[in-house]
Amino acid sequence: MNKQNRRLATVITGQNTSDGAGVKLKRIINPQQHKLDPFILFDEFKSDEAADYIGGFPDHPHRGFETVTYMLEGAMLHRDHLGNEGHLRKGDVQWMTAAHGIIHSEMPEQENGLLHGFQLWLNLPAKEKMKPPYYRDIAAKDIPHIELANGSYLKLIAGDYVSETGKIFGAVTGVTTQPLYLDVLLSSQQQLDIPISPQHTALVYVYQGEVAIGTSDKLLKAGQLGQLIGGDNIHLATQDQSAQFLVLTAMPLNEPIVQSGPFVMNTMAEIEQAYRDYRDGVLAQ
């Protein structure tokens, strides 16, 4: 069967804001504005000014979803109520399933130099929202690095990718929403096809350069996220400059979503219970 290329339906430009203890960041997916099931929130943080990020994200709770933190530059220290510590450095990923509840902090480990990375919130199905919390740190060396033509490459953080030599599995697999998370460098005048399920939500976020989507001349530029609809293939192409971008796809849950602050549940009653549990000290028990 002939593949059908996804087309660019919506372009979202990230908005500058701050979170945590004053960390300046670019909010790309805002849960109040963009309905991209199962993706809830997506931020890019990037600065070489310590004042923009040194306050970090002190202790705060989560329930009902997963967070994926991916560092391009700099370092971040994770601590949680279970006594775990994770040191994220250049190229590392943390995949944290907050589920029933976790209280953690995320603090920059540097005061000079560039801090650059992303955090994604990925929803959990209702049946998994109250399971025990879990997280894993994934070192850069453990993320499959697939060489493409003319210096291009992709890093396979989650999901699987079919290369010329067969199927390659990413560092994270077995997640209910079947996420695909790729970090791609595409040199100038290059093309890339990524087969995906026609049912999955598909997003591309460009963080350097620009890339054409499908067979049209529509370009996504740095700081823009595109929602791609209607097909089983993502076709990407560069023109006179290289591009670096993230590809994010996942299976929609098609369940009610209620998000309030650090909690993502299915009903307002469950949100209110999460706040009570946090106040009463039992959210993370």
Protein backbone atom coordinates (compact mmCIF):
# COMPACT_ATOMS: atom_id res chain seq x y z
CA MET A 1 0.00 0.00 0.00
CA ASN A 2 1.10 3.53 -0.71
CA LYS A 3 1.99 5.59 2.32
CA GLN A 4 -0.03 8.70 3.00
CA ASN A 5 1.89 11.70 4.27
CA ARG A 6 0.56 13.63 7.21
CA ARG A 7 -0.22 17.27 6.51
CA LEU A 8 0.44 20.29 8.68
CA ALA A 9 -2.85 21.25 10.32
CA THR A 10 -1.90 23.62 13.14
CA VAL A 11 1.19 25.65 13.99
CA ILE A 12 1.74 26.64 17.62
CA THR A 13 4.37 29.21 18.54
CA GLY A 14 5.84 28.82 22.00
CA GLN A 15 5.10 31.58 24.51
CA ASN A 16 7.69 32.90 26.95
CA THR A 17 6.70 32.43 30.58
CA SER A 18 8.17 31.28 33.90
CA ASP A 19 7.52 28.39 36.26
CA GLY A 20 8.95 26.88 39.41
CA ALA A 21 11.05 29.43 41.32
CA GLY A 22 11.13 31.88 38.42
CA VAL A 23 12.67 29.65 35.75
CA LYS A 24 12.24 31.35 32.38
CA LEU A 25 10.99 28.97 29.72
CA LYS A 26 9.01 28.69 26.52
CA ARG A 27 5.62 26.99 26.95
CA ILE A 28 4.74 25.25 23.72
CA ILE A 29 1.80 23.06 24.71
CA ASN A 30 -0.44 24.83 27.20
CA PRO A 31 -3.10 22.49 28.64
CA GLN A 32 -5.63 25.33 28.79
CA GLN A 33 -5.25 26.18 25.10
CA HIS A 34 -4.17 23.12 23.14
CA LYS A 35 -5.94 19.77 23.17
CA LEU A 36 -3.37 17.29 21.86
CA ASP A 37 -4.35 14.04 23.62
CA PRO A 38 -2.36 12.38 25.19
CA PHE A 39 0.17 15.24 25.32
CA ILE A 40 -0.71 17.62 28.15
CA LEU A 41 2.12 20.15 28.41
CA PHE A 42 5.44 20.77 26.69
CA ASP A 43 8.14 23.27 27.70
CA GLU A 44 11.54 24.25 26.35
CA PHE A 45 14.00 25.88 28.75
CA LYS A 46 17.09 27.53 27.31
CA SER A 47 19.32 30.21 28.77
CA ASP A 48 22.97 30.97 29.49
CA GLU A 49 21.97 33.48 32.19
CA ALA A 50 22.01 31.85 35.63
CA ALA A 51 19.33 34.23 36.92
CA ASP A 52 16.92 32.73 34.38
CA TYR A 53 17.13 29.21 35.78
CA ILE A 54 19.09 28.94 39.04
CA GLY A 55 15.92 28.97 41.19
CA GLY A 56 14.94 25.68 39.60
CA PHE A 57 11.81 23.78 40.54
CA PRO A 58 11.73 23.24 44.33
CA ASP A 59 9.62 20.49 45.92
CA HIS A 60 6.25 20.09 44.17
CA PRO A 61 3.74 17.26 43.72
CA HIS A 62 2.43 15.42 40.66
CA ARG A 63 -0.33 12.88 40.13
CA GLY A 64 -1.93 11.18 37.14
CA PHE A 65 0.62 11.45 34.33
CA GLU A 66 4.23 11.00 33.23
CA THR A 67 6.95 13.61 32.84
CA VAL A 68 9.78 13.23 30.35
CA THR A 69 12.78 15.51 30.86
CA TYR A 70 15.42 15.65 28.12
CA MET A 71 18.63 17.63 28.56
CA LEU A 72 20.53 19.03 25.59
CA GLU A 73 22.96 21.15 27.63
CA GLY A 74 23.74 21.67 31.28
CA ALA A 75 22.75 19.54 34.25
CA MET A 76 19.73 19.01 36.50
CA LEU A 77 19.43 17.27 39.87
CA HIS A 78 16.22 15.39 40.68
CA ARG A 79 15.31 14.46 44.26
CA ASP A 80 12.03 12.93 45.39
CA HIS A 81 10.21 11.96 48.57
CA LEU A 82 11.29 8.33 48.15
CA GLY A 83 14.93 9.32 48.59
CA ASN A 84 15.85 8.91 44.94
CA GLU A 85 18.38 11.17 43.27
CA GLY A 86 18.94 11.55 39.55
CA HIS A 87 21.67 13.59 37.90
CA LEU A 88 20.70 14.55 34.37
CA ARG A 89 23.50 15.76 32.13
CA LYS A 90 23.91 16.53 28.44
CA GLY A 91 21.89 14.08 26.35
CA ASP A 92 20.30 12.31 29.35
CA VAL A 93 16.59 11.63 29.81
CA GLN A 94 14.44 11.10 32.88
CA TRP A 95 11.15 9.26 32.43
CA MET A 96 9.03 9.69 35.55
CA THR A 97 5.64 8.08 36.05
CA ALA A 98 4.04 10.17 38.79
CA ALA A 99 0.87 8.04 38.84
CA HIS A 100 -0.55 7.89 42.42
CA GLY A 101 1.75 10.68 43.54
CA ILE A 102 5.29 11.89 43.81
CA ILE A 103 6.84 14.96 45.40
CA HIS A 104 10.10 15.99 43.83
CA SER A 105 12.45 18.84 43.05
CA GLU A 106 14.36 19.60 39.85
CA MET A 107 17.31 21.90 40.43
CA PRO A 108 20.02 23.10 38.02
CA GLU A 109 23.47 21.86 39.03
CA GLN A 110 25.33 24.80 37.51
CA GLU A 111 25.55 28.56 37.89
CA ASN A 112 27.42 29.31 34.69
CA GLY A 113 26.84 28.14 31.16
CA LEU A 114 23.96 27.11 28.97
CA LEU A 115 21.01 25.19 30.34
CA HIS A 116 18.86 23.76 27.53
CA GLY A 117 16.27 21.04 27.59
CA PHE A 118 12.64 20.02 27.34
CA GLN A 119 9.93 18.70 29.60
CA LEU A 120 6.89 16.84 28.29
CA TRP A 121 3.79 15.80 30.23
CA LEU A 122 2.26 12.59 28.88
CA ASN A 123 -1.14 11.52 30.15
CA LEU A 124 -1.84 8.15 31.75
CA PRO A 125 -5.03 6.16 31.17
CA ALA A 126 -7.54 6.25 34.01
CA LYS A 127 -6.73 2.67 35.03
CA GLU A 128 -3.05 3.61 35.58
CA LYS A 129 -3.38 7.00 37.26
CA MET A 130 -3.24 5.57 40.77
CA LYS A 131 -0.55 2.93 40.34
CA PRO A 132 2.71 3.28 42.30
CA PRO A 133 5.09 6.03 41.08
CA TYR A 134 8.22 5.09 39.21
CA TYR A 135 11.06 6.78 37.41
CA ARG A 136 14.22 5.94 35.54
CA ASP A 137 17.21 7.95 34.42
CA ILE A 138 18.54 7.11 30.97
CA ALA A 139 22.14 8.04 30.15
CA ALA A 140 22.85 9.56 26.76
CA LYS A 141 25.01 6.54 25.85
CA ASP A 142 22.00 4.25 26.32
CA ILE A 143 19.79 6.10 23.82
CA PRO A 144 20.03 4.54 20.34
CA HIS A 145 21.80 6.89 17.91
CA ILE A 146 20.95 6.14 14.28
CA GLU A 147 23.16 7.58 11.58
CA LEU A 148 21.38 8.85 8.48
CA ALA A 149 22.72 10.22 5.19
CA ASN A 150 25.19 13.11 4.98
CA GLY A 151 25.74 13.64 8.67
CA SER A 152 22.09 13.49 9.66
CA TYR A 153 21.03 11.36 12.63
CA LEU A 154 18.20 10.61 14.98
CA LYS A 155 18.15 9.70 18.65
CA LEU A 156 15.47 7.20 19.58
CA ILE A 157 14.32 8.11 23.08
CA ALA A 158 11.05 6.17 23.04
CA GLY A 159 9.19 3.86 20.67
CA ASP A 160 10.65 2.09 17.67
CA TYR A 161 12.02 3.06 14.27
CA VAL A 162 12.39 0.97 11.14
CA SER A 163 15.82 1.55 9.61
CA GLU A 164 17.43 0.01 6.54
CA THR A 165 18.74 -2.80 8.74
CA GLY A 166 15.51 -3.53 10.60
CA LYS A 167 13.45 -2.35 13.55
CA ILE A 168 15.31 -0.54 16.34
CA PHE A 169 13.77 -0.10 19.78
CA GLY A 170 14.20 3.10 21.76
CA ALA A 171 15.41 3.52 25.31
CA VAL A 172 11.78 3.49 26.54
CA THR A 173 9.21 0.94 25.37
CA GLY A 174 6.07 -0.69 26.74
CA VAL A 175 4.21 2.53 27.61
CA THR A 176 0.43 2.25 27.17
CA THR A 177 0.17 5.33 24.96
CA GLN A 178 2.86 3.89 22.63
CA PRO A 179 4.88 7.12 22.46
CA LEU A 180 7.49 7.79 19.82
CA TYR A 181 10.04 10.42 20.89
CA LEU A 182 12.78 11.29 18.41
CA ASP A 183 15.46 13.98 18.44
CA VAL A 184 16.51 14.52 14.83
CA LEU A 185 19.32 16.42 13.13
CA LEU A 186 18.63 16.70 9.40
CA SER A 187 21.40 18.21 7.30
CA SER A 188 20.57 20.60 4.45
CA GLN A 189 18.86 19.17 1.36
CA GLN A 190 17.86 15.96 3.17
CA GLN A 191 14.60 14.05 3.52
CA LEU A 192 13.28 11.68 6.16
CA ASP A 193 10.21 9.45 6.34
CA ILE A 194 8.87 8.21 9.66
CA PRO A 195 6.02 5.66 9.49
CA ILE A 196 3.47 6.02 12.28
CA SER A 197 0.05 4.69 13.24
CA PRO A 198 -2.72 6.63 11.47
CA GLN A 199 -4.58 6.84 14.80
CA HIS A 200 -1.77 8.55 16.71
CA THR A 201 -1.44 12.22 17.56
CA ALA A 202 1.68 13.51 15.76
CA LEU A 203 3.71 16.61 16.58
CA VAL A 204 6.98 18.11 15.34
CA TYR A 205 8.83 20.80 17.32
CA VAL A 206 11.70 22.64 15.64
CA TYR A 207 14.38 24.04 17.91
CA GLN A 208 16.94 25.01 15.29
CA GLY A 209 16.61 25.84 11.60
CA GLU A 210 13.46 25.02 9.64
CA VAL A 211 11.90 21.93 8.11
CA ALA A 212 9.23 21.31 5.47
CA ILE A 213 6.33 19.04 6.34
CA GLY A 214 4.85 16.60 3.84
CA THR A 215 5.21 17.32 0.14
CA SER A 216 4.10 20.94 0.45
CA ASP A 217 6.31 23.97 0.91
CA LYS A 218 4.94 24.65 4.39
CA LEU A 219 7.83 25.24 6.76
CA LEU A 220 8.06 24.85 10.51
CA LYS A 221 10.63 27.24 11.96
CA ALA A 222 12.56 27.29 15.23
CA GLY A 223 10.22 27.79 18.18
CA GLN A 224 7.22 26.37 16.33
CA LEU A 225 5.32 23.15 16.95
CA GLY A 226 3.26 21.59 14.19
CA GLN A 227 0.31 19.23 14.60
CA LEU A 228 0.25 16.75 11.72
CA ILE A 229 -2.96 15.00 10.68
CA GLY A 230 -4.33 12.54 8.15
CA GLY A 231 -1.91 9.76 7.27
CA ASP A 232 0.49 7.01 8.26
CA ASN A 233 3.80 8.71 7.40
CA ILE A 234 5.64 11.83 8.45
CA HIS A 235 7.68 13.25 5.58
CA LEU A 236 10.28 15.84 6.57
CA ALA A 237 12.69 17.77 4.35
CA THR A 238 15.26 20.51 4.72
CA GLN A 239 16.20 23.14 2.17
CA ASP A 240 19.36 25.25 2.32
CA GLN A 241 19.99 24.86 6.05
CA SER A 242 20.06 22.04 8.52
CA ALA A 243 17.36 21.59 11.16
CA GLN A 244 17.08 20.07 14.60
CA PHE A 245 13.68 19.01 15.82
CA LEU A 246 11.72 16.64 18.02
CA VAL A 247 9.13 14.21 16.68
CA LEU A 248 6.44 13.24 19.20
CA THR A 249 3.65 10.76 18.47
CA ALA A 250 1.36 8.79 20.77
CA MET A 251 -1.99 7.06 20.96
CA PRO A 252 -4.85 9.29 22.14
CA LEU A 253 -6.62 8.01 25.23
CA ASN A 254 -9.98 9.58 24.36
CA GLU A 255 -10.81 9.96 28.03
CA PRO A 256 -11.94 13.08 29.90
CA ILE A 257 -8.99 15.25 30.94
CA VAL A 258 -9.10 17.60 33.92
CA GLN A 259 -5.83 19.39 34.65
CA SER A 260 -5.24 21.69 37.58
CA GLY A 261 -1.74 22.79 38.50
CA PRO A 262 0.42 19.69 39.02
CA PHE A 263 -2.42 17.17 38.72
CA VAL A 264 -4.00 15.54 35.64
CA MET A 265 -7.05 13.39 36.31
CA ASN A 266 -10.37 12.44 34.68
CA THR A 267 -12.83 14.32 36.90
CA MET A 268 -12.88 17.43 39.03
CA ALA A 269 -13.68 15.26 42.05
CA GLU A 270 -10.39 13.40 41.50
CA ILE A 271 -8.53 16.71 41.25
CA GLU A 272 -10.06 17.88 44.51
CA GLN A 273 -9.07 14.57 46.11
CA ALA A 274 -5.49 15.06 44.91
CA TYR A 275 -5.33 18.48 46.57
CA ARG A 276 -6.77 17.01 49.79
CA ASP A 277 -4.30 14.13 49.70
CA TYR A 278 -1.40 16.55 49.21
CA ARG A 279 -2.62 18.80 52.01
CA ASP A 280 -3.09 15.80 54.32
CA GLY A 281 0.33 14.35 53.50
CA VAL A 282 -0.92 11.15 51.87
CA LEU A 283 -0.59 11.94 48.17
CA ALA A 284 2.82 10.31 47.93
CA GLN A 285 2.22 7.42 50.34
